[in-house]
Amino acid sequence: MTSFIRNQFTKPALAALLLGFAALAQFPDQPPDQRERPEDRRLPNGKLQSEAILKADYEANLKDIQSIRAKLDTIEAELKKTTGHVLSLKATKDLEEIEKTARRMRGRMIRY
């Protein structure tokens, strides 16, 4: 009976000890504030990588907005040419391209 009780107490204690060692091995020797976080990475020119990504995303969004406006202008011109019962194939392709561009922009905007 005593060996049964001893086994019942030593197994959980051993498991807790092993889990503690595994948790310690997971963290490096550096303190948490000195570990490099992904948003703290710097480019060779010294700028933050996250700032460079944000700037590139902003410029890409401006470019996409201009392309959407151009496509909307062409769709509007084609709609004015038609009688209202017919929509050209080019206009539907432009609308699909606008949707794809908008999804791409939304993905960039919600990233950060």
N, C-alpha and C. Protein backbone atom coordinates (compact mmCIF):
# COMPACT_ATOMS: atom_id res chain seq x y z
N MET A 1 0.82 -1.18 0.00
CA MET A 1 0.00 0.00 0.00
C MET A 1 0.87 1.26 0.00
N THR A 2 1.95 1.26 0.73
CA THR A 2 2.80 2.45 0.78
C THR A 2 3.47 2.70 -0.56
N SER A 3 3.83 1.66 -1.30
CA SER A 3 4.43 1.88 -2.62
C SER A 3 3.40 2.47 -3.59
N PHE A 4 2.15 2.10 -3.43
CA PHE A 4 1.09 2.66 -4.27
C PHE A 4 0.95 4.16 -4.01
N ILE A 5 0.93 4.54 -2.75
CA ILE A 5 0.80 5.95 -2.38
C ILE A 5 2.04 6.73 -2.83
N ARG A 6 3.21 6.14 -2.64
CA ARG A 6 4.44 6.80 -3.06
C ARG A 6 4.44 7.01 -4.58
N ASN A 7 4.00 6.04 -5.35
CA ASN A 7 3.94 6.18 -6.81
C ASN A 7 2.92 7.24 -7.23
N GLN A 8 1.83 7.33 -6.49
CA GLN A 8 0.80 8.32 -6.83
C GLN A 8 1.28 9.74 -6.57
N PHE A 9 2.18 9.96 -5.64
CA PHE A 9 2.68 11.29 -5.35
C PHE A 9 3.94 11.63 -6.15
N THR A 10 4.74 10.65 -6.48
CA THR A 10 5.98 10.94 -7.18
C THR A 10 5.76 11.20 -8.67
N LYS A 11 4.79 10.55 -9.27
CA LYS A 11 4.54 10.76 -10.70
C LYS A 11 4.12 12.21 -10.99
N PRO A 12 3.16 12.77 -10.27
CA PRO A 12 2.81 14.18 -10.55
C PRO A 12 3.96 15.14 -10.21
N ALA A 13 4.70 14.85 -9.17
CA ALA A 13 5.82 15.73 -8.80
C ALA A 13 6.89 15.69 -9.89
N LEU A 14 7.17 14.51 -10.40
CA LEU A 14 8.15 14.37 -11.47
C LEU A 14 7.68 15.08 -12.74
N ALA A 15 6.40 14.94 -13.05
CA ALA A 15 5.85 15.61 -14.23
C ALA A 15 5.94 17.12 -14.08
N ALA A 16 5.63 17.65 -12.90
CA ALA A 16 5.70 19.10 -12.68
C ALA A 16 7.15 19.58 -12.80
N LEU A 17 8.08 18.80 -12.29
CA LEU A 17 9.49 19.16 -12.37
C LEU A 17 9.96 19.20 -13.83
N LEU A 18 9.56 18.20 -14.61
CA LEU A 18 9.94 18.17 -16.03
C LEU A 18 9.31 19.32 -16.80
N LEU A 19 8.07 19.66 -16.49
CA LEU A 19 7.42 20.80 -17.15
C LEU A 19 8.13 22.11 -16.79
N GLY A 20 8.57 22.22 -15.57
CA GLY A 20 9.31 23.42 -15.16
C GLY A 20 10.62 23.56 -15.91
N PHE A 21 11.35 22.44 -16.06
CA PHE A 21 12.59 22.49 -16.82
C PHE A 21 12.34 22.81 -18.29
N ALA A 22 11.26 22.26 -18.84
CA ALA A 22 10.93 22.54 -20.24
C ALA A 22 10.61 24.02 -20.42
N ALA A 23 9.92 24.61 -19.47
CA ALA A 23 9.59 26.04 -19.56
C ALA A 23 10.86 26.88 -19.46
N LEU A 24 11.79 26.49 -18.61
CA LEU A 24 13.04 27.24 -18.48
C LEU A 24 13.90 27.13 -19.73
N ALA A 25 13.88 25.97 -20.36
CA ALA A 25 14.68 25.77 -21.56
C ALA A 25 14.12 26.55 -22.74
N GLN A 26 12.84 26.90 -22.66
CA GLN A 26 12.20 27.60 -23.75
C GLN A 26 12.67 29.05 -23.84
N PHE A 27 13.04 29.66 -22.73
CA PHE A 27 13.45 31.05 -22.71
C PHE A 27 14.97 31.16 -22.68
N PRO A 28 15.52 32.06 -23.48
CA PRO A 28 16.97 32.24 -23.44
C PRO A 28 17.40 32.96 -22.17
N ASP A 29 18.72 33.10 -21.99
CA ASP A 29 19.28 33.70 -20.79
C ASP A 29 19.05 35.21 -20.71
N GLN A 30 18.68 35.84 -21.83
CA GLN A 30 18.49 37.28 -21.83
C GLN A 30 17.20 37.65 -21.09
N PRO A 31 17.19 38.79 -20.43
CA PRO A 31 15.96 39.25 -19.81
C PRO A 31 14.91 39.56 -20.88
N PRO A 32 13.63 39.53 -20.51
CA PRO A 32 12.58 39.71 -21.52
C PRO A 32 12.64 41.04 -22.26
N ASP A 33 13.10 42.11 -21.62
CA ASP A 33 13.12 43.39 -22.30
C ASP A 33 14.26 43.50 -23.30
N GLN A 34 15.26 42.61 -23.25
CA GLN A 34 16.38 42.68 -24.18
C GLN A 34 16.22 41.74 -25.36
N ARG A 35 15.22 40.86 -25.32
CA ARG A 35 14.99 39.97 -26.45
C ARG A 35 14.51 40.78 -27.64
N GLU A 36 14.92 40.35 -28.82
CA GLU A 36 14.53 41.08 -30.02
C GLU A 36 13.12 40.69 -30.42
N ARG A 37 12.25 41.67 -30.47
CA ARG A 37 10.88 41.44 -30.92
C ARG A 37 10.85 41.70 -32.42
N PRO A 38 9.90 41.09 -33.14
CA PRO A 38 9.86 41.29 -34.59
C PRO A 38 9.67 42.75 -34.98
N GLU A 39 8.94 43.53 -34.17
CA GLU A 39 8.73 44.92 -34.54
C GLU A 39 9.94 45.79 -34.25
N ASP A 40 10.96 45.26 -33.56
CA ASP A 40 12.16 46.02 -33.26
C ASP A 40 13.29 45.79 -34.27
N ARG A 41 13.06 44.99 -35.26
CA ARG A 41 14.12 44.70 -36.24
C ARG A 41 14.43 45.96 -37.03
N ARG A 42 15.69 46.14 -37.31
CA ARG A 42 16.13 47.33 -38.05
C ARG A 42 16.72 46.91 -39.39
N LEU A 43 16.54 47.76 -40.35
CA LEU A 43 17.11 47.56 -41.68
C LEU A 43 18.57 48.02 -41.67
N PRO A 44 19.34 47.66 -42.69
CA PRO A 44 20.74 48.10 -42.72
C PRO A 44 20.93 49.62 -42.67
N ASN A 45 19.93 50.38 -43.12
CA ASN A 45 20.05 51.84 -43.07
C ASN A 45 19.66 52.41 -41.70
N GLY A 46 19.26 51.57 -40.76
CA GLY A 46 18.95 52.01 -39.40
C GLY A 46 17.48 52.23 -39.11
N LYS A 47 16.63 52.20 -40.13
CA LYS A 47 15.21 52.42 -39.92
C LYS A 47 14.55 51.14 -39.42
N LEU A 48 13.43 51.30 -38.72
CA LEU A 48 12.68 50.14 -38.26
C LEU A 48 12.05 49.43 -39.45
N GLN A 49 12.09 48.12 -39.42
CA GLN A 49 11.52 47.34 -40.51
C GLN A 49 10.00 47.54 -40.57
N SER A 50 9.35 47.62 -39.42
CA SER A 50 7.90 47.79 -39.42
C SER A 50 7.50 49.14 -40.02
N GLU A 51 8.29 50.18 -39.77
CA GLU A 51 8.00 51.49 -40.35
C GLU A 51 8.17 51.46 -41.87
N ALA A 52 9.18 50.76 -42.34
CA ALA A 52 9.41 50.66 -43.79
C ALA A 52 8.26 49.89 -44.45
N ILE A 53 7.78 48.85 -43.80
CA ILE A 53 6.66 48.07 -44.34
C ILE A 53 5.41 48.93 -44.38
N LEU A 54 5.15 49.68 -43.31
CA LEU A 54 3.98 50.56 -43.28
C LEU A 54 4.03 51.60 -44.38
N LYS A 55 5.21 52.17 -44.60
CA LYS A 55 5.35 53.18 -45.65
C LYS A 55 5.12 52.57 -47.02
N ALA A 56 5.65 51.39 -47.26
CA ALA A 56 5.46 50.72 -48.55
C ALA A 56 3.99 50.36 -48.75
N ASP A 57 3.32 49.91 -47.69
CA ASP A 57 1.90 49.59 -47.79
C ASP A 57 1.08 50.84 -48.08
N TYR A 58 1.43 51.95 -47.45
CA TYR A 58 0.72 53.22 -47.68
C TYR A 58 0.85 53.65 -49.14
N GLU A 59 2.06 53.57 -49.67
CA GLU A 59 2.27 53.96 -51.07
C GLU A 59 1.55 53.01 -52.02
N ALA A 60 1.53 51.72 -51.69
CA ALA A 60 0.81 50.76 -52.53
C ALA A 60 -0.70 51.02 -52.48
N ASN A 61 -1.22 51.40 -51.31
CA ASN A 61 -2.64 51.71 -51.20
C ASN A 61 -3.00 52.94 -52.03
N LEU A 62 -2.14 53.96 -52.01
CA LEU A 62 -2.40 55.15 -52.83
C LEU A 62 -2.41 54.80 -54.32
N LYS A 63 -1.48 53.95 -54.73
CA LYS A 63 -1.41 53.53 -56.13
C LYS A 63 -2.66 52.73 -56.51
N ASP A 64 -3.10 51.84 -55.61
CA ASP A 64 -4.29 51.04 -55.88
C ASP A 64 -5.55 51.91 -55.96
N ILE A 65 -5.64 52.92 -55.11
CA ILE A 65 -6.79 53.83 -55.15
C ILE A 65 -6.84 54.56 -56.48
N GLN A 66 -5.69 54.97 -56.99
CA GLN A 66 -5.66 55.64 -58.29
C GLN A 66 -6.12 54.71 -59.40
N SER A 67 -5.71 53.44 -59.32
CA SER A 67 -6.13 52.50 -60.36
C SER A 67 -7.63 52.20 -60.26
N ILE A 68 -8.14 52.16 -59.04
CA ILE A 68 -9.59 51.94 -58.86
C ILE A 68 -10.37 53.12 -59.44
N ARG A 69 -9.90 54.33 -59.18
CA ARG A 69 -10.58 55.52 -59.73
C ARG A 69 -10.57 55.50 -61.26
N ALA A 70 -9.45 55.12 -61.84
CA ALA A 70 -9.37 55.06 -63.31
C ALA A 70 -10.34 54.02 -63.86
N LYS A 71 -10.40 52.87 -63.22
CA LYS A 71 -11.31 51.82 -63.69
C LYS A 71 -12.77 52.25 -63.51
N LEU A 72 -13.08 52.94 -62.42
CA LEU A 72 -14.44 53.42 -62.21
C LEU A 72 -14.83 54.45 -63.27
N ASP A 73 -13.89 55.28 -63.66
CA ASP A 73 -14.19 56.26 -64.71
C ASP A 73 -14.49 55.56 -66.03
N THR A 74 -13.73 54.52 -66.36
CA THR A 74 -14.00 53.80 -67.61
C THR A 74 -15.32 53.05 -67.54
N ILE A 75 -15.65 52.50 -66.39
CA ILE A 75 -16.93 51.80 -66.24
C ILE A 75 -18.09 52.79 -66.37
N GLU A 76 -17.92 53.97 -65.76
CA GLU A 76 -18.97 54.99 -65.86
C GLU A 76 -19.17 55.42 -67.31
N ALA A 77 -18.09 55.60 -68.04
CA ALA A 77 -18.20 55.99 -69.44
C ALA A 77 -18.90 54.91 -70.26
N GLU A 78 -18.60 53.66 -70.00
CA GLU A 78 -19.24 52.56 -70.73
C GLU A 78 -20.70 52.43 -70.36
N LEU A 79 -21.04 52.69 -69.11
CA LEU A 79 -22.44 52.63 -68.70
C LEU A 79 -23.25 53.73 -69.37
N LYS A 80 -22.66 54.90 -69.53
CA LYS A 80 -23.36 56.01 -70.19
C LYS A 80 -23.58 55.73 -71.67
N LYS A 81 -22.69 54.93 -72.30
CA LYS A 81 -22.83 54.60 -73.71
C LYS A 81 -23.94 53.57 -73.95
N THR A 82 -24.19 52.71 -72.98
CA THR A 82 -25.16 51.63 -73.19
C THR A 82 -26.57 52.11 -72.86
N THR A 83 -27.55 51.28 -73.19
CA THR A 83 -28.95 51.63 -72.97
C THR A 83 -29.43 51.24 -71.58
N GLY A 84 -28.70 50.50 -70.85
CA GLY A 84 -29.10 50.09 -69.51
C GLY A 84 -29.44 48.61 -69.42
N HIS A 85 -29.70 47.98 -70.55
CA HIS A 85 -30.01 46.55 -70.55
C HIS A 85 -28.78 45.69 -70.79
N VAL A 86 -27.71 46.30 -71.23
CA VAL A 86 -26.51 45.56 -71.58
C VAL A 86 -25.32 46.15 -70.83
N LEU A 87 -24.52 45.27 -70.28
CA LEU A 87 -23.27 45.69 -69.64
C LEU A 87 -22.14 44.98 -70.36
N SER A 88 -21.15 45.74 -70.75
CA SER A 88 -20.07 45.16 -71.54
C SER A 88 -19.22 44.20 -70.71
N LEU A 89 -18.58 43.30 -71.40
CA LEU A 89 -17.71 42.33 -70.75
C LEU A 89 -16.50 43.01 -70.13
N LYS A 90 -16.01 44.06 -70.76
CA LYS A 90 -14.89 44.81 -70.22
C LYS A 90 -15.26 45.45 -68.88
N ALA A 91 -16.47 45.97 -68.77
CA ALA A 91 -16.91 46.59 -67.52
C ALA A 91 -16.99 45.56 -66.40
N THR A 92 -17.47 44.37 -66.70
CA THR A 92 -17.55 43.34 -65.65
C THR A 92 -16.16 42.89 -65.23
N LYS A 93 -15.23 42.81 -66.19
CA LYS A 93 -13.86 42.45 -65.83
C LYS A 93 -13.21 43.53 -64.98
N ASP A 94 -13.51 44.80 -65.32
CA ASP A 94 -12.98 45.90 -64.52
C ASP A 94 -13.56 45.87 -63.10
N LEU A 95 -14.83 45.55 -62.98
CA LEU A 95 -15.45 45.45 -61.65
C LEU A 95 -14.81 44.34 -60.82
N GLU A 96 -14.52 43.20 -61.46
CA GLU A 96 -13.85 42.11 -60.75
C GLU A 96 -12.44 42.52 -60.32
N GLU A 97 -11.76 43.27 -61.18
CA GLU A 97 -10.42 43.75 -60.84
C GLU A 97 -10.48 44.74 -59.67
N ILE A 98 -11.52 45.56 -59.64
CA ILE A 98 -11.70 46.50 -58.51
C ILE A 98 -11.90 45.72 -57.21
N GLU A 99 -12.69 44.65 -57.26
CA GLU A 99 -12.91 43.82 -56.06
C GLU A 99 -11.60 43.21 -55.57
N LYS A 100 -10.81 42.68 -56.48
CA LYS A 100 -9.54 42.08 -56.10
C LYS A 100 -8.61 43.11 -55.48
N THR A 101 -8.58 44.29 -56.08
CA THR A 101 -7.72 45.35 -55.56
C THR A 101 -8.18 45.79 -54.18
N ALA A 102 -9.49 45.90 -54.00
CA ALA A 102 -10.02 46.31 -52.69
C ALA A 102 -9.70 45.27 -51.62
N ARG A 103 -9.79 43.99 -51.95
CA ARG A 103 -9.43 42.93 -50.98
C ARG A 103 -7.95 43.00 -50.61
N ARG A 104 -7.13 43.25 -51.61
CA ARG A 104 -5.69 43.37 -51.37
C ARG A 104 -5.39 44.56 -50.45
N MET A 105 -6.07 45.67 -50.70
CA MET A 105 -5.88 46.86 -49.87
C MET A 105 -6.35 46.61 -48.43
N ARG A 106 -7.49 45.96 -48.29
CA ARG A 106 -8.00 45.67 -46.95
C ARG A 106 -7.03 44.77 -46.19
N GLY A 107 -6.45 43.80 -46.86
CA GLY A 107 -5.48 42.94 -46.23
C GLY A 107 -4.26 43.70 -45.75
N ARG A 108 -3.82 44.65 -46.55
CA ARG A 108 -2.67 45.47 -46.11
C ARG A 108 -3.03 46.37 -44.95
N MET A 109 -4.26 46.90 -44.96
CA MET A 109 -4.67 47.85 -43.92
C MET A 109 -4.88 47.17 -42.57
N ILE A 110 -5.38 45.95 -42.56
CA ILE A 110 -5.66 45.30 -41.27
C ILE A 110 -4.46 44.52 -40.75
N ARG A 111 -3.38 44.51 -41.50
CA ARG A 111 -2.19 43.79 -41.07
C ARG A 111 -1.63 44.36 -39.78
N TYR A 112 -1.68 45.70 -39.61
CA TYR A 112 -1.11 46.33 -38.42
C TYR A 112 -2.16 47.02 -37.63
